[in-house]
Amino acid sequence: YKTIKLKDFIAFMLKEEKFLLRIRIIAKHKVKKIKENSEIFNFYLS
């Protein structure tokens, strides 16, 4: 068990936060694309 300096820990958490934020943005973008595609798909089916 090694002690982590608070500063290092905070830096690590901020890095993780950015990483998660990027994933969330990418996921949102993908969902939007899927929605658009399914609307186009439904349009062709109707």
N, C-alpha and C. Protein backbone atom coordinates (compact mmCIF):
# COMPACT_ATOMS: atom_id res chain seq x y z
N TYR A 1 0.86 -1.19 0.00
CA TYR A 1 0.00 0.00 0.00
C TYR A 1 0.89 1.23 0.00
N LYS A 2 0.90 1.95 -1.10
CA LYS A 2 1.73 3.15 -1.13
C LYS A 2 0.87 4.40 -0.96
N THR A 3 1.42 5.36 -0.26
CA THR A 3 0.67 6.58 -0.02
C THR A 3 0.71 7.45 -1.28
N ILE A 4 -0.43 8.00 -1.61
CA ILE A 4 -0.53 8.87 -2.79
C ILE A 4 -0.61 10.31 -2.29
N LYS A 5 0.19 11.15 -2.87
CA LYS A 5 0.11 12.57 -2.52
C LYS A 5 -1.22 13.11 -3.02
N LEU A 6 -1.82 13.97 -2.23
CA LEU A 6 -3.13 14.52 -2.57
C LEU A 6 -3.10 15.19 -3.94
N LYS A 7 -2.02 15.93 -4.20
CA LYS A 7 -1.88 16.63 -5.47
C LYS A 7 -1.91 15.65 -6.64
N ASP A 8 -1.16 14.56 -6.49
CA ASP A 8 -1.13 13.55 -7.55
C ASP A 8 -2.50 12.90 -7.72
N PHE A 9 -3.15 12.67 -6.60
CA PHE A 9 -4.47 12.05 -6.64
C PHE A 9 -5.47 12.94 -7.37
N ILE A 10 -5.43 14.24 -7.05
CA ILE A 10 -6.34 15.19 -7.69
C ILE A 10 -6.06 15.26 -9.19
N ALA A 11 -4.77 15.28 -9.55
CA ALA A 11 -4.40 15.32 -10.97
C ALA A 11 -4.94 14.07 -11.68
N PHE A 12 -4.80 12.93 -11.01
CA PHE A 12 -5.29 11.68 -11.57
C PHE A 12 -6.81 11.72 -11.77
N MET A 13 -7.52 12.23 -10.77
CA MET A 13 -8.97 12.31 -10.84
C MET A 13 -9.42 13.23 -11.97
N LEU A 14 -8.70 14.33 -12.13
CA LEU A 14 -9.05 15.27 -13.20
C LEU A 14 -8.85 14.62 -14.57
N LYS A 15 -7.77 13.85 -14.68
CA LYS A 15 -7.52 13.14 -15.93
C LYS A 15 -8.64 12.15 -16.21
N GLU A 16 -9.04 11.42 -15.18
CA GLU A 16 -10.13 10.46 -15.32
C GLU A 16 -11.41 11.17 -15.72
N GLU A 17 -11.65 12.32 -15.10
CA GLU A 17 -12.85 13.10 -15.38
C GLU A 17 -12.91 13.49 -16.85
N LYS A 18 -11.78 13.97 -17.37
CA LYS A 18 -11.73 14.35 -18.79
C LYS A 18 -12.00 13.15 -19.67
N PHE A 19 -11.41 12.02 -19.28
CA PHE A 19 -11.57 10.79 -20.06
C PHE A 19 -13.05 10.38 -20.09
N LEU A 20 -13.69 10.41 -18.92
CA LEU A 20 -15.10 10.03 -18.83
C LEU A 20 -15.98 10.99 -19.61
N LEU A 21 -15.63 12.28 -19.53
CA LEU A 21 -16.39 13.30 -20.24
C LEU A 21 -16.32 13.04 -21.74
N ARG A 22 -15.10 12.72 -22.21
CA ARG A 22 -14.92 12.45 -23.64
C ARG A 22 -15.76 11.25 -24.05
N ILE A 23 -15.74 10.21 -23.22
CA ILE A 23 -16.53 9.01 -23.53
C ILE A 23 -18.01 9.36 -23.58
N ARG A 24 -18.45 10.18 -22.63
CA ARG A 24 -19.86 10.56 -22.59
C ARG A 24 -20.25 11.33 -23.84
N ILE A 25 -19.38 12.25 -24.27
CA ILE A 25 -19.66 13.04 -25.47
C ILE A 25 -19.72 12.14 -26.69
N ILE A 26 -18.78 11.22 -26.79
CA ILE A 26 -18.75 10.29 -27.92
C ILE A 26 -20.02 9.44 -27.92
N ALA A 27 -20.40 8.97 -26.74
CA ALA A 27 -21.59 8.12 -26.62
C ALA A 27 -22.84 8.90 -27.04
N LYS A 28 -22.93 10.15 -26.58
CA LYS A 28 -24.08 10.98 -26.92
C LYS A 28 -24.16 11.16 -28.43
N HIS A 29 -23.00 11.42 -29.03
CA HIS A 29 -22.92 11.63 -30.47
C HIS A 29 -23.38 10.38 -31.21
N LYS A 30 -22.94 9.22 -30.73
CA LYS A 30 -23.32 7.96 -31.36
C LYS A 30 -24.82 7.72 -31.26
N VAL A 31 -25.38 8.02 -30.09
CA VAL A 31 -26.82 7.83 -29.89
C VAL A 31 -27.59 8.74 -30.84
N LYS A 32 -27.12 9.98 -30.98
CA LYS A 32 -27.77 10.92 -31.88
C LYS A 32 -27.75 10.39 -33.31
N LYS A 33 -26.59 9.88 -33.72
CA LYS A 33 -26.44 9.32 -35.06
C LYS A 33 -27.40 8.15 -35.27
N ILE A 34 -27.46 7.28 -34.28
CA ILE A 34 -28.34 6.11 -34.37
C ILE A 34 -29.79 6.56 -34.50
N LYS A 35 -30.16 7.58 -33.72
CA LYS A 35 -31.53 8.11 -33.79
C LYS A 35 -31.82 8.65 -35.18
N GLU A 36 -30.88 9.45 -35.71
CA GLU A 36 -31.07 10.01 -37.05
C GLU A 36 -31.20 8.90 -38.08
N ASN A 37 -30.34 7.90 -37.98
CA ASN A 37 -30.38 6.79 -38.93
C ASN A 37 -31.69 6.02 -38.83
N SER A 38 -32.18 5.82 -37.62
CA SER A 38 -33.42 5.07 -37.47
C SER A 38 -34.61 5.88 -37.99
N GLU A 39 -34.53 7.21 -37.87
CA GLU A 39 -35.59 8.06 -38.42
C GLU A 39 -35.61 7.96 -39.94
N ILE A 40 -34.42 7.98 -40.53
CA ILE A 40 -34.31 7.83 -41.99
C ILE A 40 -34.85 6.47 -42.40
N PHE A 41 -34.48 5.46 -41.62
CA PHE A 41 -34.92 4.09 -41.88
C PHE A 41 -36.44 4.00 -41.82
N ASN A 42 -37.03 4.61 -40.79
CA ASN A 42 -38.48 4.60 -40.64
C ASN A 42 -39.15 5.34 -41.79
N PHE A 43 -38.52 6.42 -42.23
CA PHE A 43 -39.05 7.20 -43.34
C PHE A 43 -39.13 6.33 -44.60
N TYR A 44 -38.08 5.55 -44.83
CA TYR A 44 -38.07 4.68 -46.01
C TYR A 44 -39.12 3.57 -45.89
N LEU A 45 -39.36 3.13 -44.67
CA LEU A 45 -40.32 2.03 -44.48
C LEU A 45 -41.76 2.51 -44.62
N SER A 46 -42.01 3.75 -44.26
CA SER A 46 -43.40 4.24 -44.28
C SER A 46 -43.88 4.53 -45.70
